[in-house]
Amino acid sequence: MTMGNFYAILGAAIAVILSGVGSAIGVSRAGQASSALLTKQPEKFGKVLILQLLPSTQGLYGFVVGFMVLIQLNALGGSMTAISDSTSWLMFAYCMPIALVGLGSALMQSNVAISAINLLGKQEKMFGRTIIMVALVEIFAIFAFIISFLGVMQLNIVPVV
């Protein structure tokens, strides 16, 4: 493994870790609000579960980008392809949008999900609107995912001899 591979794998790890941490915190926080509501209104379980689940998608996006880096490097298929330092730094850089935006948007999305869960406790007919409010934050994670995914996949991996 070259130092080039190291930076590419580091980028993949950061994408998975930061987006995963953001999602774990976001789902946890929304879960606390869900539990509080369900102690009084257990019949709303399905609806609050959907709201709690939404901040988890950023972790999935980071995982996919990290997995695609490993595929590009042939790290899962036996002998890893050695790449140049410049290609490695590009791959690292392409991992950063989903790492950073994934972390931030999962945390912010959980704030909106918590408010939506509280609203759902007072006005169940607002459920459709609350989904839209929570999903709006998702758009930014999707943009970051697209940039990271397309960036990693467009790199022409030329082995270094």
N, C-alpha and C. Protein backbone atom coordinates (compact mmCIF):
# COMPACT_ATOMS: atom_id res chain seq x y z
N MET A 1 0.85 -1.19 0.00
CA MET A 1 0.00 0.00 0.00
C MET A 1 0.89 1.24 0.00
N THR A 2 0.57 2.17 -0.87
CA THR A 2 1.32 3.42 -0.95
C THR A 2 0.68 4.45 -0.02
N MET A 3 1.40 5.55 0.16
CA MET A 3 0.80 6.65 0.94
C MET A 3 -0.44 7.16 0.23
N GLY A 4 -0.46 7.06 -1.10
CA GLY A 4 -1.64 7.46 -1.85
C GLY A 4 -2.86 6.67 -1.43
N ASN A 5 -2.69 5.40 -1.28
CA ASN A 5 -3.81 4.57 -0.82
C ASN A 5 -4.24 4.97 0.59
N PHE A 6 -3.28 5.33 1.40
CA PHE A 6 -3.59 5.71 2.78
C PHE A 6 -4.57 6.88 2.82
N TYR A 7 -4.30 7.92 2.04
CA TYR A 7 -5.17 9.10 2.07
C TYR A 7 -6.55 8.81 1.48
N ALA A 8 -6.61 7.97 0.48
CA ALA A 8 -7.91 7.58 -0.09
C ALA A 8 -8.73 6.82 0.94
N ILE A 9 -8.09 5.87 1.62
CA ILE A 9 -8.80 5.08 2.63
C ILE A 9 -9.15 5.95 3.84
N LEU A 10 -8.28 6.88 4.18
CA LEU A 10 -8.59 7.81 5.26
C LEU A 10 -9.83 8.64 4.91
N GLY A 11 -9.92 9.11 3.67
CA GLY A 11 -11.10 9.86 3.24
C GLY A 11 -12.36 9.02 3.35
N ALA A 12 -12.27 7.75 2.93
CA ALA A 12 -13.43 6.85 3.04
C ALA A 12 -13.82 6.66 4.49
N ALA A 13 -12.83 6.47 5.35
CA ALA A 13 -13.12 6.26 6.77
C ALA A 13 -13.78 7.50 7.39
N ILE A 14 -13.28 8.67 7.04
CA ILE A 14 -13.86 9.91 7.58
C ILE A 14 -15.29 10.08 7.08
N ALA A 15 -15.55 9.75 5.82
CA ALA A 15 -16.91 9.86 5.27
C ALA A 15 -17.86 8.95 6.05
N VAL A 16 -17.43 7.74 6.31
CA VAL A 16 -18.28 6.78 7.03
C VAL A 16 -18.45 7.20 8.49
N ILE A 17 -17.35 7.58 9.12
CA ILE A 17 -17.40 7.90 10.55
C ILE A 17 -18.21 9.16 10.83
N LEU A 18 -17.91 10.26 10.14
CA LEU A 18 -18.61 11.51 10.45
C LEU A 18 -20.09 11.46 10.11
N SER A 19 -20.42 10.94 8.93
CA SER A 19 -21.85 10.85 8.59
C SER A 19 -22.55 9.85 9.51
N GLY A 20 -21.85 8.79 9.89
CA GLY A 20 -22.44 7.81 10.81
C GLY A 20 -22.65 8.36 12.20
N VAL A 21 -21.69 9.13 12.69
CA VAL A 21 -21.84 9.75 14.01
C VAL A 21 -23.00 10.74 13.99
N GLY A 22 -23.08 11.55 12.94
CA GLY A 22 -24.20 12.50 12.84
C GLY A 22 -25.54 11.78 12.84
N SER A 23 -25.63 10.69 12.08
CA SER A 23 -26.88 9.93 12.04
C SER A 23 -27.20 9.28 13.37
N ALA A 24 -26.18 8.71 14.02
CA ALA A 24 -26.42 8.06 15.31
C ALA A 24 -26.92 9.06 16.36
N ILE A 25 -26.30 10.23 16.39
CA ILE A 25 -26.74 11.26 17.33
C ILE A 25 -28.14 11.74 16.95
N GLY A 26 -28.36 11.98 15.66
CA GLY A 26 -29.67 12.46 15.21
C GLY A 26 -30.80 11.49 15.51
N VAL A 27 -30.58 10.22 15.21
CA VAL A 27 -31.61 9.21 15.46
C VAL A 27 -31.83 9.06 16.97
N SER A 28 -30.76 9.15 17.73
CA SER A 28 -30.87 9.05 19.18
C SER A 28 -31.70 10.19 19.76
N ARG A 29 -31.40 11.39 19.33
CA ARG A 29 -32.13 12.56 19.84
C ARG A 29 -33.61 12.50 19.45
N ALA A 30 -33.88 12.13 18.20
CA ALA A 30 -35.27 12.01 17.76
C ALA A 30 -35.96 10.87 18.51
N GLY A 31 -35.20 9.82 18.81
CA GLY A 31 -35.76 8.71 19.57
C GLY A 31 -36.16 9.10 20.98
N GLN A 32 -35.41 9.98 21.58
CA GLN A 32 -35.77 10.46 22.91
C GLN A 32 -37.10 11.22 22.87
N ALA A 33 -37.25 12.07 21.85
CA ALA A 33 -38.52 12.80 21.70
C ALA A 33 -39.66 11.83 21.39
N SER A 34 -39.37 10.82 20.58
CA SER A 34 -40.39 9.82 20.24
C SER A 34 -40.84 9.07 21.49
N SER A 35 -39.89 8.67 22.30
CA SER A 35 -40.23 7.94 23.53
C SER A 35 -41.10 8.78 24.45
N ALA A 36 -40.77 10.04 24.55
CA ALA A 36 -41.57 10.93 25.41
C ALA A 36 -43.01 11.00 24.91
N LEU A 37 -43.19 11.12 23.60
CA LEU A 37 -44.55 11.18 23.05
C LEU A 37 -45.28 9.85 23.21
N LEU A 38 -44.57 8.76 22.98
CA LEU A 38 -45.22 7.44 23.01
C LEU A 38 -45.66 7.02 24.41
N THR A 39 -45.10 7.62 25.46
CA THR A 39 -45.58 7.29 26.80
C THR A 39 -47.02 7.74 26.99
N LYS A 40 -47.41 8.78 26.25
CA LYS A 40 -48.77 9.30 26.36
C LYS A 40 -49.66 8.87 25.20
N GLN A 41 -49.06 8.66 24.01
CA GLN A 41 -49.84 8.34 22.82
C GLN A 41 -49.17 7.20 22.03
N PRO A 42 -49.21 5.98 22.55
CA PRO A 42 -48.51 4.86 21.91
C PRO A 42 -49.04 4.51 20.52
N GLU A 43 -50.22 4.92 20.20
CA GLU A 43 -50.80 4.63 18.88
C GLU A 43 -50.09 5.38 17.75
N LYS A 44 -49.25 6.35 18.09
CA LYS A 44 -48.53 7.13 17.07
C LYS A 44 -47.15 6.54 16.76
N PHE A 45 -46.91 5.31 17.17
CA PHE A 45 -45.59 4.69 16.99
C PHE A 45 -45.12 4.72 15.55
N GLY A 46 -45.94 4.30 14.61
CA GLY A 46 -45.53 4.24 13.20
C GLY A 46 -45.11 5.60 12.65
N LYS A 47 -45.84 6.62 13.01
CA LYS A 47 -45.55 7.96 12.51
C LYS A 47 -44.27 8.53 13.12
N VAL A 48 -44.09 8.34 14.42
CA VAL A 48 -42.87 8.89 15.03
C VAL A 48 -41.65 8.08 14.61
N LEU A 49 -41.84 6.80 14.31
CA LEU A 49 -40.73 5.98 13.84
C LEU A 49 -40.18 6.52 12.51
N ILE A 50 -41.08 6.92 11.63
CA ILE A 50 -40.66 7.50 10.34
C ILE A 50 -39.87 8.78 10.58
N LEU A 51 -40.36 9.63 11.46
CA LEU A 51 -39.66 10.89 11.76
C LEU A 51 -38.30 10.62 12.41
N GLN A 52 -38.25 9.62 13.27
CA GLN A 52 -36.99 9.29 13.93
C GLN A 52 -35.98 8.71 12.94
N LEU A 53 -36.46 7.98 11.96
CA LEU A 53 -35.60 7.30 11.00
C LEU A 53 -34.91 8.24 10.02
N LEU A 54 -35.53 9.35 9.70
CA LEU A 54 -35.00 10.22 8.65
C LEU A 54 -33.56 10.68 8.84
N PRO A 55 -33.09 11.03 10.04
CA PRO A 55 -31.68 11.42 10.16
C PRO A 55 -30.68 10.28 9.95
N SER A 56 -31.15 9.07 9.77
CA SER A 56 -30.23 7.94 9.57
C SER A 56 -29.69 7.85 8.16
N THR A 57 -30.31 8.52 7.22
CA THR A 57 -29.91 8.36 5.82
C THR A 57 -28.52 8.90 5.54
N GLN A 58 -28.10 9.92 6.26
CA GLN A 58 -26.77 10.49 6.03
C GLN A 58 -25.69 9.44 6.31
N GLY A 59 -25.88 8.63 7.33
CA GLY A 59 -24.94 7.56 7.61
C GLY A 59 -24.87 6.56 6.46
N LEU A 60 -26.01 6.30 5.86
CA LEU A 60 -26.05 5.41 4.71
C LEU A 60 -25.29 6.01 3.53
N TYR A 61 -25.47 7.29 3.29
CA TYR A 61 -24.76 7.94 2.19
C TYR A 61 -23.24 7.87 2.39
N GLY A 62 -22.79 8.14 3.60
CA GLY A 62 -21.36 8.05 3.89
C GLY A 62 -20.84 6.64 3.72
N PHE A 63 -21.63 5.66 4.13
CA PHE A 63 -21.23 4.25 3.96
C PHE A 63 -21.08 3.90 2.48
N VAL A 64 -22.02 4.34 1.67
CA VAL A 64 -21.96 4.04 0.23
C VAL A 64 -20.71 4.67 -0.39
N VAL A 65 -20.41 5.92 -0.05
CA VAL A 65 -19.22 6.57 -0.60
C VAL A 65 -17.96 5.84 -0.14
N GLY A 66 -17.88 5.49 1.13
CA GLY A 66 -16.73 4.75 1.63
C GLY A 66 -16.57 3.41 0.93
N PHE A 67 -17.68 2.73 0.70
CA PHE A 67 -17.67 1.44 0.01
C PHE A 67 -17.20 1.61 -1.43
N MET A 68 -17.62 2.68 -2.09
CA MET A 68 -17.21 2.92 -3.47
C MET A 68 -15.71 3.21 -3.57
N VAL A 69 -15.15 3.88 -2.57
CA VAL A 69 -13.70 4.10 -2.55
C VAL A 69 -12.99 2.74 -2.49
N LEU A 70 -13.46 1.86 -1.61
CA LEU A 70 -12.83 0.54 -1.50
C LEU A 70 -12.95 -0.25 -2.79
N ILE A 71 -14.08 -0.12 -3.46
CA ILE A 71 -14.25 -0.80 -4.75
C ILE A 71 -13.28 -0.23 -5.79
N GLN A 72 -13.18 1.12 -5.84
CA GLN A 72 -12.28 1.76 -6.80
C GLN A 72 -10.82 1.31 -6.58
N LEU A 73 -10.45 1.09 -5.33
CA LEU A 73 -9.08 0.68 -5.01
C LEU A 73 -8.88 -0.83 -5.10
N ASN A 74 -9.94 -1.56 -5.40
CA ASN A 74 -9.90 -3.02 -5.40
C ASN A 74 -9.46 -3.56 -4.04
N ALA A 75 -9.83 -2.85 -2.98
CA ALA A 75 -9.43 -3.23 -1.63
C ALA A 75 -10.22 -4.43 -1.11
N LEU A 76 -11.32 -4.74 -1.75
CA LEU A 76 -12.15 -5.85 -1.29
C LEU A 76 -11.88 -7.13 -2.08
N GLY A 77 -11.14 -7.01 -3.17
CA GLY A 77 -10.98 -8.14 -4.06
C GLY A 77 -9.63 -8.80 -4.03
N GLY A 78 -8.86 -8.59 -3.03
CA GLY A 78 -7.56 -9.23 -2.99
C GLY A 78 -6.45 -8.22 -2.91
N SER A 79 -5.72 -8.05 -4.01
CA SER A 79 -4.58 -7.14 -3.96
C SER A 79 -5.03 -5.73 -4.32
N MET A 80 -4.77 -4.82 -3.39
CA MET A 80 -5.21 -3.43 -3.57
C MET A 80 -4.38 -2.75 -4.65
N THR A 81 -5.06 -1.95 -5.46
CA THR A 81 -4.39 -1.19 -6.51
C THR A 81 -3.66 0.00 -5.88
N ALA A 82 -2.37 0.11 -6.14
CA ALA A 82 -1.59 1.25 -5.65
C ALA A 82 -1.87 2.45 -6.55
N ILE A 83 -2.18 3.60 -5.94
CA ILE A 83 -2.50 4.79 -6.72
C ILE A 83 -1.53 5.91 -6.36
N SER A 84 -1.48 6.91 -7.20
CA SER A 84 -0.57 8.04 -6.96
C SER A 84 -1.09 8.90 -5.81
N ASP A 85 -0.18 9.69 -5.27
CA ASP A 85 -0.57 10.60 -4.18
C ASP A 85 -1.61 11.60 -4.64
N SER A 86 -1.47 12.12 -5.86
CA SER A 86 -2.42 13.13 -6.34
C SER A 86 -3.82 12.53 -6.49
N THR A 87 -3.91 11.32 -7.00
CA THR A 87 -5.22 10.66 -7.12
C THR A 87 -5.80 10.39 -5.74
N SER A 88 -4.95 10.00 -4.82
CA SER A 88 -5.40 9.73 -3.46
C SER A 88 -5.96 10.97 -2.79
N TRP A 89 -5.28 12.10 -2.97
CA TRP A 89 -5.77 13.34 -2.39
C TRP A 89 -7.09 13.78 -3.03
N LEU A 90 -7.23 13.54 -4.33
CA LEU A 90 -8.51 13.84 -4.98
C LEU A 90 -9.62 12.98 -4.38
N MET A 91 -9.34 11.70 -4.20
CA MET A 91 -10.33 10.80 -3.63
C MET A 91 -10.68 11.24 -2.20
N PHE A 92 -9.66 11.62 -1.44
CA PHE A 92 -9.88 12.14 -0.08
C PHE A 92 -10.81 13.35 -0.13
N ALA A 93 -10.50 14.29 -1.04
CA ALA A 93 -11.29 15.52 -1.15
C ALA A 93 -12.73 15.22 -1.54
N TYR A 94 -12.94 14.26 -2.44
CA TYR A 94 -14.30 13.92 -2.84
C TYR A 94 -15.09 13.25 -1.72
N CYS A 95 -14.42 12.68 -0.76
CA CYS A 95 -15.12 12.08 0.39
C CYS A 95 -15.59 13.13 1.39
N MET A 96 -14.99 14.29 1.37
CA MET A 96 -15.29 15.30 2.39
C MET A 96 -16.69 15.91 2.31
N PRO A 97 -17.29 16.13 1.12
CA PRO A 97 -18.64 16.70 1.15
C PRO A 97 -19.63 15.87 1.96
N ILE A 98 -19.67 14.56 1.73
CA ILE A 98 -20.64 13.76 2.48
C ILE A 98 -20.22 13.60 3.93
N ALA A 99 -18.92 13.63 4.20
CA ALA A 99 -18.47 13.53 5.59
C ALA A 99 -18.95 14.73 6.39
N LEU A 100 -18.70 15.91 5.88
CA LEU A 100 -19.02 17.13 6.64
C LEU A 100 -20.50 17.51 6.57
N VAL A 101 -21.05 17.48 5.36
CA VAL A 101 -22.47 17.82 5.22
C VAL A 101 -23.33 16.72 5.85
N GLY A 102 -22.89 15.47 5.74
CA GLY A 102 -23.63 14.37 6.37
C GLY A 102 -23.71 14.54 7.87
N LEU A 103 -22.59 14.89 8.48
CA LEU A 103 -22.57 15.13 9.93
C LEU A 103 -23.52 16.27 10.30
N GLY A 104 -23.34 17.41 9.65
CA GLY A 104 -24.14 18.59 9.99
C GLY A 104 -25.61 18.42 9.68
N SER A 105 -25.93 17.87 8.52
CA SER A 105 -27.35 17.77 8.16
C SER A 105 -28.08 16.75 9.01
N ALA A 106 -27.42 15.68 9.43
CA ALA A 106 -28.08 14.70 10.31
C ALA A 106 -28.43 15.35 11.65
N LEU A 107 -27.51 16.15 12.16
CA LEU A 107 -27.77 16.83 13.44
C LEU A 107 -28.89 17.86 13.28
N MET A 108 -28.85 18.64 12.21
CA MET A 108 -29.89 19.64 11.99
C MET A 108 -31.23 18.98 11.68
N GLN A 109 -31.19 17.89 10.94
CA GLN A 109 -32.43 17.18 10.62
C GLN A 109 -33.07 16.63 11.89
N SER A 110 -32.25 16.21 12.85
CA SER A 110 -32.83 15.71 14.10
C SER A 110 -33.53 16.83 14.86
N ASN A 111 -33.02 18.05 14.77
CA ASN A 111 -33.70 19.18 15.41
C ASN A 111 -35.10 19.37 14.83
N VAL A 112 -35.18 19.30 13.52
CA VAL A 112 -36.49 19.45 12.87
C VAL A 112 -37.39 18.26 13.20
N ALA A 113 -36.81 17.06 13.23
CA ALA A 113 -37.59 15.86 13.55
C ALA A 113 -38.15 15.94 14.98
N ILE A 114 -37.36 16.44 15.90
CA ILE A 114 -37.83 16.60 17.28
C ILE A 114 -39.02 17.56 17.33
N SER A 115 -38.90 18.67 16.64
CA SER A 115 -40.02 19.63 16.59
C SER A 115 -41.24 18.99 15.94
N ALA A 116 -41.01 18.22 14.88
CA ALA A 116 -42.12 17.56 14.19
C ALA A 116 -42.80 16.53 15.09
N ILE A 117 -42.01 15.81 15.87
CA ILE A 117 -42.58 14.83 16.79
C ILE A 117 -43.42 15.54 17.85
N ASN A 118 -42.92 16.66 18.35
CA ASN A 118 -43.69 17.43 19.33
C ASN A 118 -44.99 17.96 18.71
N LEU A 119 -44.93 18.41 17.47
CA LEU A 119 -46.12 18.88 16.77
C LEU A 119 -47.11 17.74 16.57
N LEU A 120 -46.59 16.58 16.20
CA LEU A 120 -47.44 15.41 15.98
C LEU A 120 -48.19 15.03 17.26
N GLY A 121 -47.57 15.25 18.40
CA GLY A 121 -48.24 14.98 19.67
C GLY A 121 -49.43 15.88 19.92
N LYS A 122 -49.43 17.05 19.32
CA LYS A 122 -50.51 18.00 19.51
C LYS A 122 -51.53 17.98 18.39
N GLN A 123 -51.06 17.75 17.14
CA GLN A 123 -51.94 17.78 15.97
C GLN A 123 -51.54 16.67 15.00
N GLU A 124 -52.17 15.54 15.12
CA GLU A 124 -51.81 14.39 14.29
C GLU A 124 -52.04 14.65 12.80
N LYS A 125 -52.99 15.49 12.48
CA LYS A 125 -53.28 15.77 11.07
C LYS A 125 -52.14 16.49 10.36
N MET A 126 -51.15 16.96 11.10
CA MET A 126 -50.00 17.67 10.54
C MET A 126 -48.89 16.72 10.09
N PHE A 127 -49.09 15.41 10.18
CA PHE A 127 -48.04 14.45 9.89
C PHE A 127 -47.41 14.64 8.51
N GLY A 128 -48.22 14.78 7.48
CA GLY A 128 -47.70 14.95 6.13
C GLY A 128 -46.82 16.18 6.00
N ARG A 129 -47.22 17.23 6.64
CA ARG A 129 -46.43 18.47 6.60
C ARG A 129 -45.13 18.32 7.37
N THR A 130 -45.18 17.58 8.47
CA THR A 130 -43.94 17.40 9.24
C THR A 130 -42.92 16.59 8.45
N ILE A 131 -43.38 15.61 7.70
CA ILE A 131 -42.46 14.82 6.86
C ILE A 131 -41.76 15.74 5.86
N ILE A 132 -42.50 16.64 5.26
CA ILE A 132 -41.92 17.57 4.28
C ILE A 132 -40.87 18.45 4.95
N MET A 133 -41.17 18.96 6.14
CA MET A 133 -40.22 19.83 6.84
C MET A 133 -38.93 19.08 7.16
N VAL A 134 -39.05 17.85 7.63
CA VAL A 134 -37.86 17.07 7.97
C VAL A 134 -37.08 16.70 6.70
N ALA A 135 -37.81 16.36 5.64
CA ALA A 135 -37.16 15.95 4.39
C ALA A 135 -36.43 17.10 3.70
N LEU A 136 -36.85 18.33 3.93
CA LEU A 136 -36.17 19.47 3.30
C LEU A 136 -34.69 19.54 3.68
N VAL A 137 -34.38 19.18 4.91
CA VAL A 137 -32.99 19.20 5.35
C VAL A 137 -32.19 18.12 4.60
N GLU A 138 -32.86 17.05 4.24
CA GLU A 138 -32.23 15.93 3.53
C GLU A 138 -31.64 16.35 2.18
N ILE A 139 -32.22 17.34 1.57
CA ILE A 139 -31.79 17.76 0.23
C ILE A 139 -30.30 18.08 0.21
N PHE A 140 -29.81 18.73 1.25
CA PHE A 140 -28.40 19.12 1.29
C PHE A 140 -27.49 17.91 1.42
N ALA A 141 -27.93 16.93 2.18
CA ALA A 141 -27.15 15.68 2.28
C ALA A 141 -27.14 14.97 0.93
N ILE A 142 -28.25 15.01 0.22
CA ILE A 142 -28.31 14.38 -1.10
C ILE A 142 -27.36 15.07 -2.07
N PHE A 143 -27.32 16.40 -2.04
CA PHE A 143 -26.38 17.13 -2.89
C PHE A 143 -24.94 16.72 -2.59
N ALA A 144 -24.59 16.67 -1.32
CA ALA A 144 -23.23 16.29 -0.93
C ALA A 144 -22.93 14.85 -1.34
N PHE A 145 -23.91 13.97 -1.18
CA PHE A 145 -23.73 12.58 -1.57
C PHE A 145 -23.46 12.47 -3.07
N ILE A 146 -24.22 13.19 -3.85
CA ILE A 146 -24.04 13.13 -5.31
C ILE A 146 -22.64 13.60 -5.70
N ILE A 147 -22.19 14.70 -5.12
CA ILE A 147 -20.84 15.21 -5.42
C ILE A 147 -19.78 14.18 -5.01
N SER A 148 -19.90 13.65 -3.80
CA SER A 148 -18.92 12.67 -3.34
C SER A 148 -18.95 11.41 -4.20
N PHE A 149 -20.13 10.90 -4.44
CA PHE A 149 -20.26 9.65 -5.21
C PHE A 149 -19.74 9.81 -6.63
N LEU A 150 -20.19 10.85 -7.32
CA LEU A 150 -19.75 11.05 -8.70
C LEU A 150 -18.25 11.36 -8.77
N GLY A 151 -17.76 12.12 -7.81
CA GLY A 151 -16.33 12.43 -7.79
C GLY A 151 -15.47 11.19 -7.64
N VAL A 152 -15.83 10.35 -6.68
CA VAL A 152 -15.07 9.12 -6.45
C VAL A 152 -15.16 8.21 -7.67
N MET A 153 -16.33 8.09 -8.25
CA MET A 153 -16.52 7.15 -9.35
C MET A 153 -15.91 7.63 -10.66
N GLN A 154 -15.73 8.94 -10.83
CA GLN A 154 -15.19 9.43 -12.10
C GLN A 154 -13.67 9.37 -12.15
N LEU A 155 -13.02 9.15 -11.02
CA LEU A 155 -11.57 9.09 -11.02
C LEU A 155 -11.08 7.87 -11.79
N ASN A 156 -10.17 8.10 -12.68
CA ASN A 156 -9.55 6.98 -13.42
C ASN A 156 -8.40 6.46 -12.56
N ILE A 157 -8.61 5.30 -12.01
CA ILE A 157 -7.59 4.70 -11.16
C ILE A 157 -6.53 4.04 -12.02
N VAL A 158 -5.37 4.66 -12.06
CA VAL A 158 -4.24 4.13 -12.83
C VAL A 158 -3.23 3.60 -11.81
N PRO A 159 -2.97 2.30 -11.86
CA PRO A 159 -2.02 1.74 -10.87
C PRO A 159 -0.63 2.36 -11.00
N VAL A 160 0.01 2.58 -9.86
CA VAL A 160 1.37 3.08 -9.83
C VAL A 160 2.29 1.86 -9.78
N VAL A 161 3.28 1.85 -10.65
CA VAL A 161 4.19 0.72 -10.67
C VAL A 161 5.45 0.99 -9.91
